[in-house]
Amino acid sequence: MDVLLSIKPKYAKLIFSGKKRFEFRKIIFTNRSVSEVYVYVTSPEKRIVGKFTIAGILFDSPNNIWKQTRKYAGITKKDYDEYFAGSKIAYAIEIKEMTLFSEPIDPLEYDDNFRAPQSFIYLDRKKTQQLISNIEMKSEDVKNANQIGKNNSNSGSLWSYIEKTEPNN
């Protein structure tokens, strides 16, 4: 079983650069057989840009999760605290191996009824793999954070894609 997670563009970029090794959630999927996460980058991109394997899922109070993950959180303490304000439990999905698709996938091209998940949706692994093989997309495998920095200059990568569409902050 796989899931599709909605992730803001700036955090997706940090995930695929290796600077963000944890994805934080207030709620988590209950199906423990989930092993891969497909990354749907929210507006303005609205594309599936890659996937990662789950190394593990931490859960505890927001303060304890921050203490355990802050080095590779990829988010400021202020933003983290704002996100978890009022929450008693925080989840941190530890990111393992990543694959950045050479071309982002527009899910509407394959499913007219697609609706971006508020948090996540379950995906049928067989159907997902079939879709990807039908698209015959080339992907660049990112095995660890040390290799990621070497790949960020590719013109067809997420970096150029996000930088073209990301508003200047």
N, C-alpha and C. Protein backbone atom coordinates (compact mmCIF):
# COMPACT_ATOMS: atom_id res chain seq x y z
N MET A 1 0.85 -1.17 0.00
CA MET A 1 0.00 0.00 0.00
C MET A 1 0.90 1.24 0.00
N ASP A 2 0.50 2.22 -0.77
CA ASP A 2 1.21 3.49 -0.85
C ASP A 2 0.24 4.62 -0.50
N VAL A 3 0.79 5.80 -0.26
CA VAL A 3 -0.05 6.97 -0.04
C VAL A 3 0.43 8.12 -0.92
N LEU A 4 -0.48 9.03 -1.17
CA LEU A 4 -0.18 10.29 -1.83
C LEU A 4 -0.34 11.37 -0.78
N LEU A 5 0.73 12.11 -0.51
CA LEU A 5 0.70 13.20 0.47
C LEU A 5 0.73 14.53 -0.26
N SER A 6 -0.06 15.46 0.20
CA SER A 6 0.00 16.84 -0.28
C SER A 6 1.07 17.57 0.52
N ILE A 7 2.00 18.18 -0.19
CA ILE A 7 3.11 18.88 0.46
C ILE A 7 3.32 20.21 -0.26
N LYS A 8 3.53 21.26 0.52
CA LYS A 8 3.78 22.59 -0.05
C LYS A 8 5.08 22.57 -0.86
N PRO A 9 5.14 23.40 -1.92
CA PRO A 9 6.32 23.40 -2.80
C PRO A 9 7.65 23.60 -2.07
N LYS A 10 7.70 24.53 -1.13
CA LYS A 10 8.98 24.79 -0.47
C LYS A 10 9.44 23.59 0.34
N TYR A 11 8.52 22.83 0.91
CA TYR A 11 8.91 21.65 1.69
C TYR A 11 9.26 20.48 0.78
N ALA A 12 8.58 20.34 -0.34
CA ALA A 12 8.94 19.30 -1.31
C ALA A 12 10.36 19.52 -1.82
N LYS A 13 10.67 20.75 -2.10
CA LYS A 13 12.02 21.07 -2.58
C LYS A 13 13.05 20.69 -1.53
N LEU A 14 12.78 20.97 -0.27
CA LEU A 14 13.71 20.62 0.80
C LEU A 14 13.81 19.11 0.99
N ILE A 15 12.71 18.39 0.81
CA ILE A 15 12.75 16.93 0.90
C ILE A 15 13.69 16.38 -0.16
N PHE A 16 13.52 16.79 -1.41
CA PHE A 16 14.31 16.22 -2.49
C PHE A 16 15.73 16.78 -2.55
N SER A 17 16.02 17.78 -1.75
CA SER A 17 17.40 18.27 -1.63
C SER A 17 18.12 17.57 -0.49
N GLY A 18 17.39 16.82 0.33
CA GLY A 18 17.98 16.12 1.46
C GLY A 18 18.06 16.93 2.73
N LYS A 19 17.61 18.17 2.69
CA LYS A 19 17.66 19.04 3.87
C LYS A 19 16.51 18.76 4.82
N LYS A 20 15.44 18.19 4.32
CA LYS A 20 14.27 17.86 5.14
C LYS A 20 14.12 16.34 5.10
N ARG A 21 14.47 15.70 6.20
CA ARG A 21 14.42 14.24 6.26
C ARG A 21 13.22 13.72 7.04
N PHE A 22 12.36 14.64 7.47
CA PHE A 22 11.14 14.26 8.18
C PHE A 22 9.97 15.07 7.62
N GLU A 23 8.87 14.40 7.38
CA GLU A 23 7.64 15.08 6.99
C GLU A 23 6.71 14.99 8.19
N PHE A 24 6.24 16.15 8.65
CA PHE A 24 5.44 16.23 9.87
C PHE A 24 3.95 16.20 9.55
N ARG A 25 3.20 15.52 10.41
CA ARG A 25 1.77 15.39 10.23
C ARG A 25 1.06 15.43 11.58
N LYS A 26 -0.16 15.97 11.56
CA LYS A 26 -1.02 15.96 12.75
C LYS A 26 -1.78 14.64 12.83
N ILE A 27 -2.09 14.09 11.67
CA ILE A 27 -2.74 12.78 11.61
C ILE A 27 -1.91 11.91 10.68
N ILE A 28 -2.02 10.61 10.87
CA ILE A 28 -1.21 9.70 10.07
C ILE A 28 -2.10 8.58 9.56
N PHE A 29 -1.67 7.95 8.51
CA PHE A 29 -2.41 6.83 7.96
C PHE A 29 -2.36 5.66 8.94
N THR A 30 -3.46 4.97 9.04
CA THR A 30 -3.56 3.87 10.01
C THR A 30 -3.10 2.54 9.43
N ASN A 31 -3.05 2.43 8.13
CA ASN A 31 -2.58 1.21 7.49
C ASN A 31 -1.06 1.15 7.60
N ARG A 32 -0.57 0.22 8.40
CA ARG A 32 0.88 0.13 8.65
C ARG A 32 1.64 -0.56 7.53
N SER A 33 0.94 -1.02 6.50
CA SER A 33 1.66 -1.63 5.38
C SER A 33 2.16 -0.58 4.39
N VAL A 34 1.86 0.68 4.63
CA VAL A 34 2.32 1.76 3.74
C VAL A 34 3.84 1.84 3.82
N SER A 35 4.48 1.76 2.66
CA SER A 35 5.95 1.83 2.64
C SER A 35 6.48 2.93 1.73
N GLU A 36 5.65 3.39 0.78
CA GLU A 36 6.09 4.45 -0.11
C GLU A 36 5.10 5.61 -0.09
N VAL A 37 5.67 6.79 -0.22
CA VAL A 37 4.88 8.03 -0.24
C VAL A 37 5.13 8.72 -1.57
N TYR A 38 4.05 9.00 -2.29
CA TYR A 38 4.13 9.81 -3.50
C TYR A 38 3.86 11.24 -3.09
N VAL A 39 4.65 12.16 -3.63
CA VAL A 39 4.59 13.56 -3.22
C VAL A 39 3.81 14.37 -4.24
N TYR A 40 2.65 14.86 -3.79
CA TYR A 40 1.84 15.78 -4.59
C TYR A 40 2.16 17.19 -4.10
N VAL A 41 2.76 17.99 -4.97
CA VAL A 41 3.10 19.36 -4.61
C VAL A 41 1.87 20.23 -4.85
N THR A 42 1.49 20.96 -3.81
CA THR A 42 0.27 21.76 -3.87
C THR A 42 0.45 22.99 -4.76
N SER A 43 -0.57 23.79 -4.81
CA SER A 43 -0.64 24.99 -5.65
C SER A 43 0.58 25.88 -5.43
N PRO A 44 1.13 26.44 -6.46
CA PRO A 44 0.61 26.51 -7.83
C PRO A 44 1.02 25.34 -8.73
N GLU A 45 1.90 24.43 -8.28
CA GLU A 45 2.37 23.35 -9.14
C GLU A 45 1.30 22.32 -9.46
N LYS A 46 0.67 21.76 -8.41
CA LYS A 46 -0.38 20.76 -8.56
C LYS A 46 0.08 19.57 -9.39
N ARG A 47 1.22 18.99 -8.99
CA ARG A 47 1.82 17.87 -9.71
C ARG A 47 2.36 16.85 -8.71
N ILE A 48 2.46 15.61 -9.15
CA ILE A 48 3.16 14.57 -8.40
C ILE A 48 4.59 14.60 -8.91
N VAL A 49 5.53 14.90 -8.03
CA VAL A 49 6.90 15.16 -8.46
C VAL A 49 7.89 14.04 -8.15
N GLY A 50 7.49 13.13 -7.27
CA GLY A 50 8.40 12.05 -6.91
C GLY A 50 7.82 11.20 -5.81
N LYS A 51 8.69 10.39 -5.23
CA LYS A 51 8.26 9.52 -4.14
C LYS A 51 9.42 9.27 -3.20
N PHE A 52 9.08 8.78 -2.01
CA PHE A 52 10.13 8.35 -1.08
C PHE A 52 9.67 7.14 -0.30
N THR A 53 10.65 6.42 0.21
CA THR A 53 10.39 5.25 1.04
C THR A 53 10.38 5.69 2.49
N ILE A 54 9.51 5.09 3.27
CA ILE A 54 9.41 5.42 4.69
C ILE A 54 10.43 4.59 5.47
N ALA A 55 11.29 5.28 6.22
CA ALA A 55 12.25 4.59 7.09
C ALA A 55 11.59 4.24 8.41
N GLY A 56 10.65 5.06 8.84
CA GLY A 56 9.94 4.84 10.09
C GLY A 56 9.03 6.01 10.37
N ILE A 57 8.17 5.85 11.37
CA ILE A 57 7.26 6.94 11.76
C ILE A 57 7.40 7.13 13.26
N LEU A 58 7.77 8.34 13.64
CA LEU A 58 7.87 8.70 15.05
C LEU A 58 6.57 9.35 15.49
N PHE A 59 6.19 9.14 16.73
CA PHE A 59 5.05 9.87 17.27
C PHE A 59 5.28 10.10 18.75
N ASP A 60 4.93 11.31 19.17
CA ASP A 60 5.13 11.74 20.55
C ASP A 60 4.51 13.13 20.66
N SER A 61 4.77 13.80 21.75
CA SER A 61 4.31 15.18 21.88
C SER A 61 5.08 16.03 20.86
N PRO A 62 4.49 17.13 20.42
CA PRO A 62 5.21 18.00 19.48
C PRO A 62 6.60 18.42 19.99
N ASN A 63 6.71 18.73 21.27
CA ASN A 63 8.02 19.14 21.81
C ASN A 63 9.05 18.02 21.71
N ASN A 64 8.65 16.80 22.05
CA ASN A 64 9.59 15.68 21.98
C ASN A 64 9.96 15.32 20.54
N ILE A 65 8.99 15.39 19.64
CA ILE A 65 9.30 15.13 18.22
C ILE A 65 10.28 16.18 17.71
N TRP A 66 10.08 17.45 18.07
CA TRP A 66 11.01 18.49 17.63
C TRP A 66 12.42 18.19 18.12
N LYS A 67 12.55 17.81 19.37
CA LYS A 67 13.88 17.50 19.94
C LYS A 67 14.56 16.37 19.16
N GLN A 68 13.79 15.41 18.72
CA GLN A 68 14.35 14.26 18.00
C GLN A 68 14.68 14.55 16.53
N THR A 69 14.00 15.53 15.95
CA THR A 69 14.09 15.71 14.49
C THR A 69 14.63 17.06 14.04
N ARG A 70 14.84 17.98 14.94
CA ARG A 70 15.12 19.37 14.55
C ARG A 70 16.29 19.53 13.60
N LYS A 71 17.31 18.69 13.72
CA LYS A 71 18.49 18.82 12.86
C LYS A 71 18.14 18.68 11.37
N TYR A 72 17.19 17.80 11.07
CA TYR A 72 16.78 17.57 9.68
C TYR A 72 15.29 17.83 9.47
N ALA A 73 14.75 18.76 10.25
CA ALA A 73 13.32 19.06 10.16
C ALA A 73 12.96 19.79 8.87
N GLY A 74 13.87 20.64 8.37
CA GLY A 74 13.58 21.39 7.15
C GLY A 74 12.49 22.42 7.34
N ILE A 75 12.26 22.81 8.58
CA ILE A 75 11.21 23.77 8.90
C ILE A 75 11.69 24.56 10.12
N THR A 76 11.32 25.81 10.20
CA THR A 76 11.72 26.60 11.36
C THR A 76 10.93 26.18 12.59
N LYS A 77 11.47 26.44 13.74
CA LYS A 77 10.78 26.12 15.00
C LYS A 77 9.46 26.89 15.06
N LYS A 78 9.48 28.14 14.60
CA LYS A 78 8.27 28.96 14.61
C LYS A 78 7.17 28.33 13.76
N ASP A 79 7.51 27.93 12.53
CA ASP A 79 6.52 27.30 11.65
C ASP A 79 6.05 25.96 12.21
N TYR A 80 6.97 25.22 12.80
CA TYR A 80 6.64 23.94 13.41
C TYR A 80 5.64 24.14 14.55
N ASP A 81 5.94 25.09 15.42
CA ASP A 81 5.05 25.37 16.55
C ASP A 81 3.68 25.85 16.09
N GLU A 82 3.64 26.68 15.06
CA GLU A 82 2.36 27.15 14.52
C GLU A 82 1.55 25.98 13.96
N TYR A 83 2.22 25.08 13.25
CA TYR A 83 1.54 23.93 12.66
C TYR A 83 0.95 23.03 13.73
N PHE A 84 1.69 22.79 14.80
CA PHE A 84 1.24 21.87 15.85
C PHE A 84 0.54 22.57 17.01
N ALA A 85 0.23 23.84 16.90
CA ALA A 85 -0.46 24.56 17.99
C ALA A 85 -1.75 23.83 18.35
N GLY A 86 -1.90 23.52 19.62
CA GLY A 86 -3.09 22.85 20.11
C GLY A 86 -3.08 21.34 19.95
N SER A 87 -2.07 20.80 19.29
CA SER A 87 -1.99 19.35 19.09
C SER A 87 -1.25 18.69 20.25
N LYS A 88 -1.74 17.54 20.65
CA LYS A 88 -1.07 16.79 21.72
C LYS A 88 -0.11 15.76 21.16
N ILE A 89 -0.34 15.35 19.91
CA ILE A 89 0.49 14.33 19.26
C ILE A 89 1.02 14.90 17.95
N ALA A 90 2.28 14.58 17.69
CA ALA A 90 2.91 14.93 16.42
C ALA A 90 3.47 13.65 15.80
N TYR A 91 3.39 13.56 14.50
CA TYR A 91 3.95 12.43 13.76
C TYR A 91 5.06 12.96 12.86
N ALA A 92 6.13 12.20 12.76
CA ALA A 92 7.24 12.54 11.87
C ALA A 92 7.55 11.32 11.01
N ILE A 93 7.31 11.45 9.73
CA ILE A 93 7.61 10.37 8.79
C ILE A 93 9.07 10.54 8.40
N GLU A 94 9.88 9.53 8.72
CA GLU A 94 11.30 9.59 8.39
C GLU A 94 11.49 9.15 6.95
N ILE A 95 12.17 9.98 6.19
CA ILE A 95 12.35 9.78 4.75
C ILE A 95 13.63 9.00 4.50
N LYS A 96 13.51 7.96 3.68
CA LYS A 96 14.65 7.10 3.36
C LYS A 96 15.10 7.39 1.92
N GLU A 97 14.86 6.47 1.02
CA GLU A 97 15.26 6.65 -0.38
C GLU A 97 14.24 7.48 -1.13
N MET A 98 14.74 8.35 -2.00
CA MET A 98 13.86 9.24 -2.76
C MET A 98 14.05 9.03 -4.25
N THR A 99 12.99 9.25 -4.97
CA THR A 99 13.03 9.24 -6.43
C THR A 99 12.33 10.52 -6.89
N LEU A 100 13.06 11.31 -7.63
CA LEU A 100 12.51 12.54 -8.20
C LEU A 100 12.19 12.26 -9.66
N PHE A 101 10.95 12.41 -10.05
CA PHE A 101 10.57 12.15 -11.42
C PHE A 101 11.15 13.23 -12.33
N SER A 102 11.62 12.82 -13.50
CA SER A 102 12.20 13.79 -14.42
C SER A 102 11.14 14.75 -14.95
N GLU A 103 9.92 14.28 -15.04
CA GLU A 103 8.80 15.13 -15.43
C GLU A 103 7.70 14.99 -14.40
N PRO A 104 7.26 16.09 -13.79
CA PRO A 104 6.15 16.01 -12.83
C PRO A 104 4.89 15.48 -13.51
N ILE A 105 4.09 14.75 -12.77
CA ILE A 105 2.86 14.15 -13.29
C ILE A 105 1.67 15.03 -12.93
N ASP A 106 0.89 15.38 -13.93
CA ASP A 106 -0.37 16.07 -13.69
C ASP A 106 -1.43 15.00 -13.54
N PRO A 107 -1.92 14.78 -12.32
CA PRO A 107 -2.89 13.69 -12.13
C PRO A 107 -4.18 13.87 -12.91
N LEU A 108 -4.53 15.09 -13.26
CA LEU A 108 -5.76 15.33 -14.02
C LEU A 108 -5.66 14.77 -15.44
N GLU A 109 -4.44 14.56 -15.93
CA GLU A 109 -4.28 13.97 -17.26
C GLU A 109 -4.67 12.50 -17.27
N TYR A 110 -4.69 11.87 -16.09
CA TYR A 110 -4.96 10.44 -15.99
C TYR A 110 -6.25 10.13 -15.25
N ASP A 111 -6.78 11.13 -14.55
CA ASP A 111 -8.01 10.93 -13.79
C ASP A 111 -8.75 12.26 -13.72
N ASP A 112 -9.81 12.39 -14.52
CA ASP A 112 -10.58 13.64 -14.55
C ASP A 112 -11.21 13.98 -13.21
N ASN A 113 -11.39 12.98 -12.36
CA ASN A 113 -12.02 13.19 -11.06
C ASN A 113 -11.02 13.39 -9.93
N PHE A 114 -9.75 13.52 -10.26
CA PHE A 114 -8.74 13.67 -9.22
C PHE A 114 -9.01 14.91 -8.37
N ARG A 115 -8.90 14.73 -7.07
CA ARG A 115 -8.97 15.83 -6.10
C ARG A 115 -7.78 15.70 -5.19
N ALA A 116 -7.05 16.77 -5.05
CA ALA A 116 -5.86 16.75 -4.18
C ALA A 116 -6.27 16.43 -2.75
N PRO A 117 -5.53 15.55 -2.11
CA PRO A 117 -5.89 15.22 -0.73
C PRO A 117 -5.60 16.37 0.23
N GLN A 118 -6.45 16.52 1.24
CA GLN A 118 -6.19 17.51 2.29
C GLN A 118 -4.93 17.14 3.04
N SER A 119 -4.75 15.86 3.28
CA SER A 119 -3.57 15.37 3.98
C SER A 119 -2.96 14.22 3.17
N PHE A 120 -3.69 13.13 3.02
CA PHE A 120 -3.19 11.99 2.25
C PHE A 120 -4.37 11.19 1.71
N ILE A 121 -4.06 10.35 0.72
CA ILE A 121 -5.00 9.34 0.25
C ILE A 121 -4.20 8.06 0.02
N TYR A 122 -4.88 6.93 0.21
CA TYR A 122 -4.25 5.64 -0.06
C TYR A 122 -4.22 5.40 -1.56
N LEU A 123 -3.15 4.76 -2.02
CA LEU A 123 -3.02 4.40 -3.42
C LEU A 123 -2.85 2.89 -3.52
N ASP A 124 -3.45 2.32 -4.53
CA ASP A 124 -3.25 0.91 -4.81
C ASP A 124 -1.90 0.77 -5.51
N ARG A 125 -0.98 0.04 -4.90
CA ARG A 125 0.38 -0.06 -5.43
C ARG A 125 0.40 -0.58 -6.86
N LYS A 126 -0.38 -1.61 -7.15
CA LYS A 126 -0.39 -2.19 -8.49
C LYS A 126 -0.83 -1.15 -9.52
N LYS A 127 -1.91 -0.42 -9.23
CA LYS A 127 -2.40 0.60 -10.16
C LYS A 127 -1.39 1.75 -10.30
N THR A 128 -0.77 2.12 -9.21
CA THR A 128 0.20 3.22 -9.24
C THR A 128 1.40 2.82 -10.09
N GLN A 129 1.93 1.61 -9.88
CA GLN A 129 3.07 1.16 -10.66
C GLN A 129 2.72 1.01 -12.13
N GLN A 130 1.50 0.57 -12.40
CA GLN A 130 1.05 0.44 -13.78
C GLN A 130 0.98 1.82 -14.45
N LEU A 131 0.46 2.81 -13.73
CA LEU A 131 0.39 4.16 -14.27
C LEU A 131 1.79 4.67 -14.61
N ILE A 132 2.70 4.49 -13.68
CA ILE A 132 4.06 4.99 -13.90
C ILE A 132 4.73 4.27 -15.06
N SER A 133 4.55 2.97 -15.17
CA SER A 133 5.16 2.25 -16.29
C SER A 133 4.50 2.64 -17.60
N ASN A 134 3.20 2.93 -17.58
CA ASN A 134 2.52 3.37 -18.80
C ASN A 134 3.04 4.73 -19.26
N ILE A 135 3.34 5.57 -18.33
CA ILE A 135 3.88 6.89 -18.66
C ILE A 135 5.30 6.76 -19.20
N GLU A 136 5.96 5.68 -18.79
CA GLU A 136 7.35 5.41 -19.18
C GLU A 136 8.23 6.61 -18.89
N MET A 137 8.05 7.13 -17.69
CA MET A 137 8.86 8.28 -17.34
C MET A 137 10.22 7.83 -16.88
N LYS A 138 11.17 8.67 -17.11
CA LYS A 138 12.50 8.44 -16.60
C LYS A 138 12.58 9.15 -15.26
N SER A 139 13.17 8.50 -14.32
CA SER A 139 13.32 9.14 -13.01
C SER A 139 14.78 9.11 -12.61
N GLU A 140 15.11 10.02 -11.71
CA GLU A 140 16.47 10.01 -11.20
C GLU A 140 16.39 9.53 -9.76
N ASP A 141 17.07 8.42 -9.49
CA ASP A 141 17.05 7.86 -8.16
C ASP A 141 18.01 8.63 -7.28
N VAL A 142 17.53 8.98 -6.13
CA VAL A 142 18.36 9.68 -5.17
C VAL A 142 18.52 8.74 -3.99
N LYS A 143 19.70 8.19 -3.82
CA LYS A 143 19.89 7.16 -2.82
C LYS A 143 20.21 7.71 -1.44
N ASN A 144 20.86 8.87 -1.37
CA ASN A 144 21.13 9.44 -0.05
C ASN A 144 21.41 10.92 -0.19
N ALA A 145 21.46 11.59 0.91
CA ALA A 145 21.60 13.05 0.91
C ALA A 145 22.89 13.50 0.26
N ASN A 146 23.93 12.68 0.30
CA ASN A 146 25.21 13.06 -0.30
C ASN A 146 25.13 13.15 -1.81
N GLN A 147 24.29 12.32 -2.42
CA GLN A 147 24.14 12.34 -3.87
C GLN A 147 23.20 13.43 -4.34
N ILE A 148 22.34 13.89 -3.49
CA ILE A 148 21.28 14.82 -3.90
C ILE A 148 21.86 16.11 -4.43
N GLY A 149 22.81 16.68 -3.73
CA GLY A 149 23.38 17.96 -4.15
C GLY A 149 23.99 17.92 -5.52
N LYS A 150 24.49 16.75 -5.94
CA LYS A 150 25.09 16.60 -7.26
C LYS A 150 24.06 16.67 -8.37
N ASN A 151 22.80 16.40 -8.04
CA ASN A 151 21.75 16.29 -9.06
C ASN A 151 20.92 17.55 -9.24
N ASN A 152 21.13 18.57 -8.42
CA ASN A 152 20.19 19.68 -8.43
C ASN A 152 20.37 20.68 -9.56
N SER A 153 21.28 20.42 -10.47
CA SER A 153 21.45 21.36 -11.57
C SER A 153 20.76 20.89 -12.85
N ASN A 154 20.12 19.74 -12.83
CA ASN A 154 19.46 19.23 -14.02
C ASN A 154 18.30 20.13 -14.42
N SER A 155 18.28 20.51 -15.69
CA SER A 155 17.26 21.47 -16.14
C SER A 155 15.85 20.91 -16.06
N GLY A 156 15.68 19.59 -16.16
CA GLY A 156 14.35 19.01 -16.11
C GLY A 156 13.93 18.58 -14.72
N SER A 157 14.65 19.00 -13.73
CA SER A 157 14.39 18.52 -12.38
C SER A 157 13.38 19.40 -11.65
N LEU A 158 13.04 18.96 -10.46
CA LEU A 158 12.12 19.71 -9.61
C LEU A 158 12.66 21.10 -9.32
N TRP A 159 13.98 21.24 -9.23
CA TRP A 159 14.58 22.54 -8.86
C TRP A 159 14.17 23.61 -9.88
N SER A 160 14.38 23.34 -11.14
CA SER A 160 14.03 24.35 -12.14
C SER A 160 12.52 24.49 -12.23
N TYR A 161 11.80 23.40 -12.04
CA TYR A 161 10.35 23.44 -12.12
C TYR A 161 9.78 24.31 -11.01
N ILE A 162 10.23 24.11 -9.80
CA ILE A 162 9.71 24.90 -8.69
C ILE A 162 10.21 26.34 -8.78
N GLU A 163 11.46 26.53 -9.13
CA GLU A 163 12.00 27.88 -9.16
C GLU A 163 11.31 28.73 -10.22
N LYS A 164 10.81 28.11 -11.29
CA LYS A 164 10.08 28.85 -12.31
C LYS A 164 8.71 29.30 -11.80
N THR A 165 8.12 28.50 -10.90
CA THR A 165 6.76 28.77 -10.49
C THR A 165 6.64 29.31 -9.07
N GLU A 166 7.70 29.22 -8.28
CA GLU A 166 7.64 29.64 -6.89
C GLU A 166 7.75 31.15 -6.79
N PRO A 167 6.82 31.82 -6.10
CA PRO A 167 6.93 33.26 -5.94
C PRO A 167 8.12 33.60 -5.07
N ASN A 168 8.75 34.72 -5.34
CA ASN A 168 9.89 35.15 -4.52
C ASN A 168 9.41 35.53 -3.14
N ASN A 169 10.12 35.02 -2.13
CA ASN A 169 9.77 35.33 -0.74
C ASN A 169 10.70 36.36 -0.16
